[in-house]
Amino acid sequence: MKEFIGYCFYPSYEPIQCIFILKGDGGDGKSKFSNFLKDLLGKESVSHIGLKDLASNKENNFKLSELFHKNLNISAELKDTPENLNTAILKQLSGNDSNNSSVKGQKDLDFISYAKLLIHTNELVTFRDTSKGWRRRIFIIDFHSISNFEKTIDWSKIEKEYGAFVYQCILLANEAIKRKALTSTDSILNNRNEWIHSNDPLQSFIDECCYE
């Protein structure tokens, strides 16, 4: 997670394409953490476009322009997206590709988005994409609340250490950029594989119809 935070300060998706998903029960502090990131990066550097708008198939998608010159976009709740998640646009936005966005009353805006995509959700949704380009982007992190958070964490002390924390995150991100990969823990890999597996129709058919 520190690598991802540091990578948010890097204005490019080259060489690492990634989409981070924080999955946990309601009330587990995902929104609190997102607000923490907004404070670290600066409110003017963070957008809040929901996936329903972000991955819209509409020809005139005005929302995409809100990603222009943003370092991070935070979307809440995968379950609010259409029945099947539109991964094509998400791959384009996280692929260092040129994007075209309608702007009301002005010419269309062509830009390369470097806003890192962070999604926090209680539930994962279905999609129809088994490509390697989608698989390698996904980082699903189990997010759980800290017991007695208010008594355990001294938030005023954390605020005083923002600068040192950001510096550490940037150093870690720099190392990740050099090796062209963010760290994937066993839990991240397991969560990714389970989600991909559950949305693979061929694999589902094999699981249901084939026996040893």
Protein backbone atom coordinates (compact mmCIF):
# COMPACT_ATOMS: atom_id res chain seq x y z
CA MET A 1 0.00 0.00 0.00
CA LYS A 2 2.89 2.37 0.71
CA GLU A 3 4.23 1.73 -2.79
CA PHE A 4 0.84 2.63 -4.25
CA ILE A 5 0.65 5.84 -2.19
CA GLY A 6 4.10 6.85 -3.38
CA TYR A 7 3.16 5.95 -6.97
CA CYS A 8 0.23 8.39 -6.75
CA PHE A 9 2.78 11.21 -6.67
CA TYR A 10 4.31 9.97 -9.92
CA PRO A 11 2.52 11.61 -12.91
CA SER A 12 2.45 8.58 -15.18
CA TYR A 13 1.25 4.99 -15.49
CA GLU A 14 4.54 4.04 -17.09
CA PRO A 15 5.87 1.49 -16.29
CA ILE A 16 3.25 0.12 -13.84
CA GLN A 17 -0.44 -0.20 -14.65
CA CYS A 18 -2.45 -0.83 -11.50
CA ILE A 19 -5.93 -0.57 -10.00
CA PHE A 20 -6.25 -0.89 -6.24
CA ILE A 21 -9.38 -2.24 -4.57
CA LEU A 22 -9.90 -2.04 -0.81
CA LYS A 23 -12.43 -4.69 0.18
CA GLY A 24 -13.96 -4.82 3.63
CA ASP A 25 -17.18 -4.70 5.60
CA GLY A 26 -19.04 -1.47 6.13
CA GLY A 27 -17.64 0.64 8.94
CA ASP A 28 -14.15 -0.82 8.59
CA GLY A 29 -12.55 2.57 7.97
CA LYS A 30 -12.20 2.59 4.18
CA SER A 31 -13.64 6.10 3.94
CA LYS A 32 -11.40 7.28 6.78
CA PHE A 33 -8.39 5.92 4.92
CA SER A 34 -9.50 7.59 1.67
CA ASN A 35 -9.78 10.93 3.46
CA PHE A 36 -6.27 10.35 4.83
CA LEU A 37 -4.96 9.91 1.29
CA LYS A 38 -6.78 13.05 0.18
CA ASP A 39 -5.00 14.99 2.92
CA LEU A 40 -1.63 13.53 1.90
CA LEU A 41 -2.00 14.34 -1.78
CA GLY A 42 -3.95 17.58 -1.41
CA LYS A 43 -7.68 17.96 -2.10
CA GLU A 44 -7.01 19.66 -5.44
CA SER A 45 -5.13 16.54 -6.63
CA VAL A 46 -7.89 14.04 -5.86
CA SER A 47 -11.12 13.37 -7.75
CA HIS A 48 -14.14 11.29 -6.72
CA ILE A 49 -15.70 9.91 -9.88
CA GLY A 50 -17.80 6.81 -9.24
CA LEU A 51 -17.23 3.75 -11.41
CA LYS A 52 -20.73 4.07 -12.84
CA ASP A 53 -19.64 7.35 -14.45
CA LEU A 54 -15.97 6.49 -14.88
CA ALA A 55 -16.69 3.36 -16.93
CA SER A 56 -19.66 4.78 -18.79
CA ASN A 57 -20.24 3.77 -22.39
CA LYS A 58 -21.80 7.15 -23.22
CA GLU A 59 -20.25 8.88 -26.22
CA ASN A 60 -20.23 12.21 -24.37
CA ASN A 61 -18.70 11.28 -21.04
CA PHE A 62 -18.08 14.62 -19.35
CA LYS A 63 -16.87 13.00 -16.14
CA LEU A 64 -13.54 11.84 -17.58
CA SER A 65 -12.33 15.44 -17.84
CA GLU A 66 -12.34 15.58 -14.03
CA LEU A 67 -9.32 13.24 -14.08
CA PHE A 68 -7.22 15.85 -15.90
CA HIS A 69 -4.14 16.72 -13.79
CA LYS A 70 -5.35 14.57 -10.88
CA ASN A 71 -3.05 12.21 -9.00
CA LEU A 72 -5.75 9.96 -7.56
CA ASN A 73 -9.37 9.08 -8.19
CA ILE A 74 -11.31 7.45 -5.36
CA SER A 75 -14.44 5.48 -6.26
CA ALA A 76 -16.75 4.02 -3.67
CA GLU A 77 -18.68 0.78 -4.04
CA LEU A 78 -18.23 -1.55 -6.98
CA LYS A 79 -21.78 -2.77 -6.45
CA ASP A 80 -23.14 0.56 -7.73
CA THR A 81 -21.72 -0.17 -11.20
CA PRO A 82 -23.78 -1.75 -14.03
CA GLU A 83 -24.29 -5.53 -13.99
CA ASN A 84 -20.97 -6.14 -15.70
CA LEU A 85 -18.01 -3.90 -14.96
CA ASN A 86 -16.69 -2.15 -18.08
CA THR A 87 -13.01 -3.03 -17.85
CA ALA A 88 -12.07 -1.59 -21.25
CA ILE A 89 -12.23 2.03 -20.11
CA LEU A 90 -10.55 1.22 -16.81
CA LYS A 91 -7.67 -0.42 -18.68
CA GLN A 92 -7.42 2.61 -20.96
CA LEU A 93 -7.36 5.03 -18.02
CA SER A 94 -4.66 3.03 -16.26
CA GLY A 95 -2.65 2.23 -19.37
CA ASN A 96 -0.89 5.52 -20.10
CA ASP A 97 -3.14 5.87 -23.16
CA SER A 98 -4.66 9.02 -24.60
CA ASN A 99 -8.23 9.71 -23.48
CA ASN A 100 -10.89 11.85 -25.08
CA SER A 101 -13.41 13.60 -22.87
CA SER A 102 -16.28 15.92 -23.69
CA VAL A 103 -16.19 19.32 -21.99
CA LYS A 104 -19.39 21.33 -21.81
CA GLY A 105 -19.27 24.37 -24.04
CA GLN A 106 -15.68 23.66 -25.13
CA LYS A 107 -13.70 21.46 -27.48
CA ASP A 108 -13.13 17.87 -26.46
CA LEU A 109 -10.16 17.34 -24.14
CA ASP A 110 -7.48 14.87 -25.18
CA PHE A 111 -5.18 13.90 -22.35
CA ILE A 112 -3.24 11.04 -20.79
CA SER A 113 -4.60 10.31 -17.34
CA TYR A 114 -2.15 9.56 -14.57
CA ALA A 115 -4.76 9.56 -11.82
CA LYS A 116 -4.26 6.32 -9.93
CA LEU A 117 -7.51 4.40 -9.46
CA LEU A 118 -8.53 3.44 -5.93
CA ILE A 119 -11.82 1.67 -5.27
CA HIS A 120 -13.21 0.85 -1.86
CA THR A 121 -16.10 -1.57 -1.67
CA ASN A 122 -17.94 -4.10 0.47
CA GLU A 123 -18.57 -6.48 -2.42
CA LEU A 124 -16.89 -7.43 -5.69
CA VAL A 125 -18.91 -7.50 -8.90
CA THR A 126 -18.97 -9.47 -12.14
CA PHE A 127 -17.05 -8.63 -15.31
CA ARG A 128 -16.30 -10.24 -18.66
CA ASP A 129 -12.59 -9.93 -19.13
CA THR A 130 -10.06 -12.72 -18.77
CA SER A 131 -7.20 -10.87 -20.46
CA LYS A 132 -3.75 -10.61 -18.94
CA GLY A 133 -3.98 -6.85 -19.28
CA TRP A 134 -6.85 -6.80 -16.80
CA ARG A 135 -5.52 -9.51 -14.51
CA ARG A 136 -2.12 -7.93 -13.91
CA ARG A 137 -3.65 -4.56 -13.01
CA ILE A 138 -5.77 -5.82 -10.12
CA PHE A 139 -4.62 -5.46 -6.51
CA ILE A 140 -7.34 -6.47 -4.04
CA ILE A 141 -6.49 -5.71 -0.43
CA ASP A 142 -8.55 -7.00 2.49
CA PHE A 143 -9.32 -3.98 4.63
CA HIS A 144 -10.23 -4.44 8.28
CA SER A 145 -10.81 -1.99 11.09
CA ILE A 146 -8.36 -1.60 13.97
CA SER A 147 -9.77 -2.60 17.34
CA ASN A 148 -10.27 0.43 19.59
CA PHE A 149 -9.05 2.68 16.81
CA GLU A 150 -9.66 5.96 18.58
CA LYS A 151 -7.70 4.82 21.63
CA THR A 152 -4.97 2.96 19.74
CA ILE A 153 -4.11 5.58 17.11
CA ASP A 154 -2.92 9.08 18.01
CA TRP A 155 -4.16 10.97 14.93
CA SER A 156 -2.49 14.23 15.91
CA LYS A 157 0.87 12.44 15.93
CA ILE A 158 0.14 10.92 12.53
CA GLU A 159 -0.58 14.36 11.07
CA LYS A 160 2.79 15.62 12.29
CA GLU A 161 4.50 12.73 10.50
CA TYR A 162 2.76 13.23 7.12
CA GLY A 163 5.93 14.50 5.44
CA ALA A 164 8.17 11.68 6.66
CA PHE A 165 5.54 9.10 5.73
CA VAL A 166 5.11 10.49 2.21
CA TYR A 167 8.89 10.53 1.73
CA GLN A 168 9.09 6.85 2.73
CA CYS A 169 6.25 5.97 0.34
CA ILE A 170 7.94 7.80 -2.55
CA LEU A 171 11.21 5.96 -1.91
CA LEU A 172 9.38 2.61 -1.98
CA ALA A 173 7.52 3.60 -5.15
CA ASN A 174 10.80 4.57 -6.78
CA GLU A 175 12.17 1.08 -6.12
CA ALA A 176 8.97 -0.43 -7.54
CA ILE A 177 9.31 1.71 -10.67
CA LYS A 178 12.87 0.48 -11.14
CA ARG A 179 11.74 -3.15 -11.07
CA LYS A 180 8.54 -2.25 -13.01
CA ALA A 181 6.21 -3.91 -10.51
CA LEU A 182 4.42 -3.23 -7.25
CA THR A 183 4.73 -5.83 -4.51
CA SER A 184 2.07 -8.56 -4.63
CA THR A 185 1.56 -10.33 -1.31
CA ASP A 186 0.08 -13.82 -1.06
CA SER A 187 -3.29 -12.38 0.02
CA ILE A 188 -3.35 -9.95 -2.93
CA LEU A 189 -2.54 -12.77 -5.36
CA ASN A 190 -5.15 -15.06 -3.81
CA ASN A 191 -7.83 -12.35 -3.90
CA ARG A 192 -6.99 -11.52 -7.50
CA ASN A 193 -7.04 -15.16 -8.62
CA GLU A 194 -10.33 -15.87 -6.83
CA TRP A 195 -12.03 -12.86 -8.44
CA ILE A 196 -10.69 -13.68 -11.90
CA HIS A 197 -11.60 -17.35 -11.44
CA SER A 198 -15.16 -16.58 -10.33
CA ASN A 199 -15.71 -14.44 -13.46
CA ASP A 200 -14.25 -16.91 -15.95
CA PRO A 201 -17.25 -18.63 -17.64
CA LEU A 202 -15.11 -21.44 -19.06
CA GLN A 203 -13.58 -22.18 -15.69
CA SER A 204 -17.02 -22.07 -14.06
CA PHE A 205 -18.29 -24.59 -16.63
CA ILE A 206 -15.35 -26.89 -15.93
CA ASP A 207 -15.89 -26.62 -12.18
CA GLU A 208 -19.57 -27.51 -12.50
CA CYS A 209 -19.40 -30.22 -15.16
CA CYS A 210 -16.08 -31.96 -14.74
CA TYR A 211 -15.29 -34.50 -12.04
CA GLU A 212 -12.16 -36.37 -11.16
